[in-house]
Amino acid sequence: MQTQSNLKAAFWMACSLGCMLIMTWAGRETTRELDVFQVMEMRSLIGLLMLYPLIRLAGGFRAMAAKRPLQHVGRNVAHYAGQFLWLMALTMIPLAQLIAIEFTTPIWTALLAVSFLGERMTPPKTIAIALGLIGVLVIVRPGVASFDAGQMIVLAAAVAFGVSMTMTKSLTRTESAVRIIFWMLVIQSLIGLVPAVLVWKTPSASLWPWILLIAFGGSYAHYCMAQALSNADATVVTPMDFLRVPATAALGYFVYSEKVDLFTVLGTVLILSGNLLNLAVRRKAAEPVEVP
């Protein structure tokens, strides 16, 4: 039974990985022609239509009634900010750097969980956070390499994602995955409506396939991740997500001829090592204690 569960989790994580790669590729292509505000608005509106089959399966719109609407709003303000900054950085730095720095999100989530959810700051968790921060410094190399605004922007996006993830962690106690995604798309559509109208530009016919892909990838990546987590523990699922780092680097290399330098590789290893250490501590804490 456990093997079957892990196989299902691996399947859904593979789907989530595919959706994230699609969104990354489509995001870079769409932002060549359209403003980020417009891309995000179209992603949310079209994504809502694409989510409709899952809404029907979950019981229809009545089943989407939020139990904690204010927390949905707060979570999506943070997520919208993070997504906006992430798409901006997507146009400014190599994909390998983008995804490596984005993986500092668990660091900020851990710090926020200590501050707002009452979790303890243990020595292993402190080491994990330190490794992640050192990894960022190795990639960015302040004072050595030329300043790159894109690196700072994606770092700010990772912090915003950390806020969003902390609030999502709390929401999952009372809300289903479909309901969380539904309100994500609705609230973010409302947040971005006016900015999108102000910069609106009619997309060219060749751009529409990319627009549909970013809407699909952005909406269903979250759903697939939730399905993976429902089939296996987070300590099993999350390391599978680390495959997104080499996969995204490969996308940048083969599609955009982006080379990966040694500092990016070393920084990525440090960041992922910190994440793995944090996961190992969580797994050990979750193990039942034998009573003699």
Protein backbone atom coordinates (compact mmCIF):
# COMPACT_ATOMS: atom_id res chain seq x y z
CA MET A 1 0.00 0.00 0.00
CA GLN A 2 2.81 2.42 0.90
CA THR A 3 4.60 1.65 -2.39
CA GLN A 4 1.45 2.34 -4.35
CA SER A 5 0.99 5.61 -2.47
CA ASN A 6 4.54 6.71 -3.21
CA LEU A 7 4.12 5.80 -6.88
CA LYS A 8 1.00 7.98 -7.06
CA ALA A 9 2.87 10.80 -5.36
CA ALA A 10 5.71 10.46 -7.87
CA PHE A 11 3.22 10.56 -10.74
CA TRP A 12 1.54 13.74 -9.47
CA MET A 13 4.91 15.37 -8.77
CA ALA A 14 6.01 14.59 -12.33
CA CYS A 15 2.82 16.30 -13.52
CA SER A 16 3.52 19.28 -11.25
CA LEU A 17 7.10 19.49 -12.55
CA GLY A 18 5.83 19.43 -16.14
CA CYS A 19 3.32 22.18 -15.39
CA MET A 20 5.99 24.36 -13.77
CA LEU A 21 8.34 23.95 -16.73
CA ILE A 22 5.50 24.80 -19.11
CA MET A 23 4.67 27.91 -17.07
CA THR A 24 8.33 29.00 -16.98
CA TRP A 25 8.78 28.61 -20.72
CA ALA A 26 5.43 30.19 -21.57
CA GLY A 27 6.04 32.99 -19.07
CA ARG A 28 9.25 34.04 -20.77
CA GLU A 29 7.66 33.92 -24.22
CA THR A 30 4.53 35.91 -23.27
CA THR A 31 6.44 38.62 -21.40
CA ARG A 32 8.48 39.32 -24.53
CA GLU A 33 5.37 40.97 -26.00
CA LEU A 34 2.98 41.70 -23.11
CA ASP A 35 3.29 43.53 -19.80
CA VAL A 36 3.57 41.32 -16.71
CA PHE A 37 0.30 42.73 -15.31
CA GLN A 38 -1.58 41.66 -18.44
CA VAL A 39 0.04 38.21 -18.48
CA MET A 40 -0.96 37.61 -14.86
CA GLU A 41 -4.54 38.78 -15.44
CA MET A 42 -5.01 36.55 -18.47
CA ARG A 43 -3.42 33.65 -16.58
CA SER A 44 -5.92 34.01 -13.73
CA LEU A 45 -9.03 34.48 -15.87
CA ILE A 46 -8.25 31.66 -18.31
CA GLY A 47 -7.01 29.48 -15.46
CA LEU A 48 -10.38 29.90 -13.74
CA LEU A 49 -12.14 28.54 -16.82
CA MET A 50 -9.69 25.63 -16.96
CA LEU A 51 -10.34 24.87 -13.29
CA TYR A 52 -14.10 24.56 -13.83
CA PRO A 53 -14.09 20.73 -14.33
CA LEU A 54 -12.44 20.32 -10.92
CA ILE A 55 -14.92 22.76 -9.38
CA ARG A 56 -17.79 20.62 -10.73
CA LEU A 57 -16.20 17.45 -9.35
CA ALA A 58 -15.75 19.13 -5.95
CA GLY A 59 -19.45 19.98 -5.69
CA GLY A 60 -19.85 23.13 -7.76
CA PHE A 61 -19.52 26.79 -6.79
CA ARG A 62 -21.47 26.30 -3.55
CA ALA A 63 -18.68 24.04 -2.35
CA MET A 64 -16.19 26.87 -2.97
CA ALA A 65 -17.55 28.96 -0.07
CA ALA A 66 -14.52 30.12 1.92
CA LYS A 67 -14.40 29.46 5.65
CA ARG A 68 -11.66 32.05 6.21
CA PRO A 69 -12.05 34.70 3.48
CA LEU A 70 -9.69 37.25 5.02
CA GLN A 71 -6.87 34.71 5.14
CA HIS A 72 -7.49 33.88 1.48
CA VAL A 73 -7.14 37.59 0.67
CA GLY A 74 -3.92 37.95 2.66
CA ARG A 75 -2.44 34.80 1.17
CA ASN A 76 -3.19 35.92 -2.38
CA VAL A 77 -1.90 39.46 -1.95
CA ALA A 78 1.44 37.90 -0.97
CA HIS A 79 1.28 35.29 -3.74
CA TYR A 80 0.35 37.90 -6.38
CA ALA A 81 3.33 40.03 -5.35
CA GLY A 82 5.62 37.02 -5.50
CA GLN A 83 4.30 35.90 -8.89
CA PHE A 84 4.65 39.42 -10.31
CA LEU A 85 8.27 39.70 -9.13
CA TRP A 86 9.03 36.16 -10.35
CA LEU A 87 7.76 36.94 -13.86
CA MET A 88 9.76 40.19 -13.89
CA ALA A 89 12.94 38.33 -12.94
CA LEU A 90 12.16 35.68 -15.55
CA THR A 91 12.96 38.24 -18.24
CA MET A 92 16.17 39.47 -16.57
CA ILE A 93 18.35 36.53 -15.41
CA PRO A 94 19.19 32.97 -16.57
CA LEU A 95 16.60 30.34 -15.69
CA ALA A 96 19.07 28.33 -13.58
CA GLN A 97 19.72 31.34 -11.31
CA LEU A 98 16.01 32.16 -11.15
CA ILE A 99 14.98 28.72 -9.97
CA ALA A 100 17.94 28.30 -7.58
CA ILE A 101 17.17 31.55 -5.74
CA GLU A 102 13.44 30.73 -5.76
CA PHE A 103 14.26 27.59 -3.77
CA THR A 104 15.13 29.78 -0.78
CA THR A 105 11.35 29.97 -0.22
CA PRO A 106 11.47 27.18 2.44
CA ILE A 107 14.00 29.31 4.36
CA TRP A 108 11.62 32.25 4.61
CA THR A 109 8.72 29.88 5.31
CA ALA A 110 10.65 28.37 8.24
CA LEU A 111 11.47 31.81 9.65
CA LEU A 112 7.86 32.96 9.30
CA ALA A 113 6.55 29.73 10.86
CA VAL A 114 8.75 30.41 13.89
CA SER A 115 7.51 34.00 14.11
CA PHE A 116 3.79 33.48 13.46
CA LEU A 117 2.89 29.79 13.83
CA GLY A 118 4.79 29.14 17.04
CA GLU A 119 7.26 26.61 15.60
CA ARG A 120 10.62 26.22 17.37
CA MET A 121 13.93 27.36 15.89
CA THR A 122 16.11 24.29 16.39
CA PRO A 123 19.90 24.11 15.74
CA PRO A 124 19.43 21.92 12.59
CA LYS A 125 16.87 24.38 11.25
CA THR A 126 19.29 27.26 11.93
CA ILE A 127 22.02 25.41 10.00
CA ALA A 128 19.61 24.76 7.13
CA ILE A 129 18.71 28.45 6.94
CA ALA A 130 22.39 29.47 7.08
CA LEU A 131 23.26 27.10 4.21
CA GLY A 132 20.48 28.60 2.11
CA LEU A 133 21.59 32.17 2.76
CA ILE A 134 25.23 31.32 2.00
CA GLY A 135 24.05 29.67 -1.22
CA VAL A 136 22.33 32.89 -2.27
CA LEU A 137 25.48 34.89 -1.50
CA VAL A 138 27.56 32.49 -3.63
CA ILE A 139 25.18 32.96 -6.59
CA VAL A 140 24.77 36.73 -6.22
CA ARG A 141 28.39 37.46 -5.07
CA PRO A 142 27.74 41.03 -3.83
CA GLY A 143 30.74 43.28 -4.33
CA VAL A 144 32.43 40.80 -6.66
CA ALA A 145 30.08 40.32 -9.59
CA SER A 146 28.22 43.20 -11.23
CA PHE A 147 24.92 44.03 -9.54
CA ASP A 148 22.00 42.23 -11.14
CA ALA A 149 18.57 43.60 -10.21
CA GLY A 150 16.93 40.40 -11.43
CA GLN A 151 18.62 38.39 -8.65
CA MET A 152 17.31 40.76 -5.98
CA ILE A 153 13.84 40.73 -7.52
CA VAL A 154 13.55 36.92 -7.48
CA LEU A 155 14.90 36.90 -3.90
CA ALA A 156 12.07 39.27 -2.94
CA ALA A 157 9.68 36.94 -4.80
CA ALA A 158 10.94 34.00 -2.72
CA VAL A 159 10.21 35.96 0.49
CA ALA A 160 6.68 36.72 -0.77
CA PHE A 161 6.20 33.04 -1.66
CA GLY A 162 7.34 32.18 1.88
CA VAL A 163 4.58 34.41 3.31
CA SER A 164 2.06 32.82 0.94
CA MET A 165 3.18 29.28 1.80
CA THR A 166 2.95 29.95 5.53
CA MET A 167 -0.62 31.18 5.14
CA THR A 168 -1.46 28.28 2.82
CA LYS A 169 -0.17 25.85 5.45
CA SER A 170 -2.71 27.32 7.85
CA LEU A 171 -5.52 27.34 5.26
CA THR A 172 -5.15 23.63 4.47
CA ARG A 173 -6.50 22.84 7.93
CA THR A 174 -9.99 23.92 6.83
CA GLU A 175 -9.92 24.37 3.05
CA SER A 176 -9.60 21.89 0.17
CA ALA A 177 -6.95 22.24 -2.54
CA VAL A 178 -9.54 23.11 -5.21
CA ARG A 179 -11.08 25.79 -2.99
CA ILE A 180 -7.66 27.35 -2.29
CA ILE A 181 -6.82 27.43 -6.01
CA PHE A 182 -10.30 28.76 -6.89
CA TRP A 183 -9.93 31.72 -4.54
CA MET A 184 -6.36 32.26 -5.70
CA LEU A 185 -7.57 32.77 -9.26
CA VAL A 186 -10.60 34.88 -8.28
CA ILE A 187 -8.79 37.19 -5.87
CA GLN A 188 -5.75 37.64 -8.09
CA SER A 189 -8.03 38.44 -11.04
CA LEU A 190 -9.57 41.24 -8.97
CA ILE A 191 -6.20 42.51 -7.69
CA GLY A 192 -4.71 42.78 -11.18
CA LEU A 193 -7.75 43.97 -13.13
CA VAL A 194 -7.08 47.73 -13.11
CA PRO A 195 -3.28 47.49 -13.72
CA ALA A 196 -3.91 45.03 -16.56
CA VAL A 197 -6.48 47.30 -18.23
CA LEU A 198 -4.06 50.24 -18.06
CA VAL A 199 -1.33 48.35 -19.96
CA TRP A 200 -3.61 46.18 -22.11
CA LYS A 201 -2.37 45.23 -25.56
CA THR A 202 -4.09 42.89 -28.00
CA PRO A 203 -1.95 39.74 -28.17
CA SER A 204 -0.77 38.56 -31.55
CA ALA A 205 -2.23 35.31 -32.88
CA SER A 206 1.09 33.50 -32.43
CA LEU A 207 1.12 34.37 -28.73
CA TRP A 208 -2.19 32.73 -27.79
CA PRO A 209 -0.81 29.18 -27.46
CA TRP A 210 1.73 30.49 -24.93
CA ILE A 211 -1.00 32.37 -23.03
CA LEU A 212 -3.07 29.19 -22.78
CA LEU A 213 -0.02 27.22 -21.65
CA ILE A 214 0.89 29.66 -18.87
CA ALA A 215 -2.73 29.61 -17.64
CA PHE A 216 -2.81 25.82 -17.67
CA GLY A 217 0.61 25.36 -16.08
CA GLY A 218 0.06 28.02 -13.43
CA SER A 219 -3.29 26.60 -12.33
CA TYR A 220 -2.65 22.87 -12.43
CA ALA A 221 0.87 22.88 -10.97
CA HIS A 222 -0.71 23.73 -7.60
CA TYR A 223 -3.38 21.05 -7.99
CA CYS A 224 -0.86 18.34 -8.90
CA MET A 225 1.34 19.29 -5.94
CA ALA A 226 -1.67 19.04 -3.61
CA GLN A 227 -2.52 15.61 -5.05
CA ALA A 228 1.06 14.45 -4.50
CA LEU A 229 0.95 15.61 -0.89
CA SER A 230 -2.32 13.73 -0.38
CA ASN A 231 -0.61 10.48 -1.43
CA ALA A 232 2.64 10.77 0.52
CA ASP A 233 4.25 12.76 3.32
CA ALA A 234 5.85 16.13 2.54
CA THR A 235 9.27 14.69 3.41
CA VAL A 236 8.79 12.25 0.51
CA VAL A 237 7.22 14.68 -1.95
CA THR A 238 9.37 17.80 -1.54
CA PRO A 239 12.72 16.25 -2.56
CA MET A 240 11.05 15.26 -5.85
CA ASP A 241 10.45 18.97 -6.47
CA PHE A 242 14.23 19.53 -6.40
CA LEU A 243 14.33 17.96 -9.88
CA ARG A 244 12.89 21.27 -11.06
CA VAL A 245 16.35 22.85 -10.64
CA PRO A 246 18.26 20.73 -13.22
CA ALA A 247 15.16 20.50 -15.43
CA THR A 248 14.83 24.29 -15.58
CA ALA A 249 18.57 24.69 -16.15
CA ALA A 250 18.27 22.22 -19.06
CA LEU A 251 15.37 24.26 -20.46
CA GLY A 252 17.49 27.41 -20.33
CA TYR A 253 20.44 25.63 -21.97
CA PHE A 254 18.63 23.91 -24.83
CA VAL A 255 16.00 26.56 -25.61
CA TYR A 256 17.80 29.83 -24.77
CA SER A 257 21.48 28.75 -24.93
CA GLU A 258 22.02 29.84 -21.31
CA LYS A 259 25.18 28.47 -19.72
CA VAL A 260 25.34 27.57 -16.02
CA ASP A 261 28.41 28.93 -14.21
CA LEU A 262 30.21 27.23 -11.32
CA PHE A 263 28.96 29.76 -8.74
CA THR A 264 25.34 29.01 -9.64
CA VAL A 265 26.01 25.27 -9.27
CA LEU A 266 27.73 25.69 -5.88
CA GLY A 267 25.04 28.05 -4.60
CA THR A 268 22.31 25.68 -5.74
CA VAL A 269 23.97 22.75 -3.95
CA LEU A 270 24.10 24.76 -0.71
CA ILE A 271 20.47 25.88 -0.99
CA LEU A 272 19.18 22.38 -1.72
CA SER A 273 21.38 20.90 1.03
CA GLY A 274 19.75 23.29 3.49
CA ASN A 275 16.31 22.22 2.26
CA LEU A 276 17.20 18.53 2.58
CA LEU A 277 18.52 19.03 6.11
CA ASN A 278 15.30 20.79 7.08
CA LEU A 279 13.26 17.92 5.60
CA ALA A 280 15.37 15.33 7.41
CA VAL A 281 14.71 17.08 10.72
CA ARG A 282 10.97 17.20 9.98
CA ARG A 283 10.92 13.49 9.13
CA LYS A 284 12.74 12.57 12.33
CA ALA A 285 10.36 14.72 14.39
CA ALA A 286 7.38 13.02 12.75
CA GLU A 287 8.59 9.49 13.60
CA PRO A 288 6.68 7.85 16.46
CA VAL A 289 8.56 7.46 19.73
CA GLU A 290 8.77 3.88 20.99
CA VAL A 291 7.67 3.42 24.57
CA PRO A 292 9.81 0.81 26.40
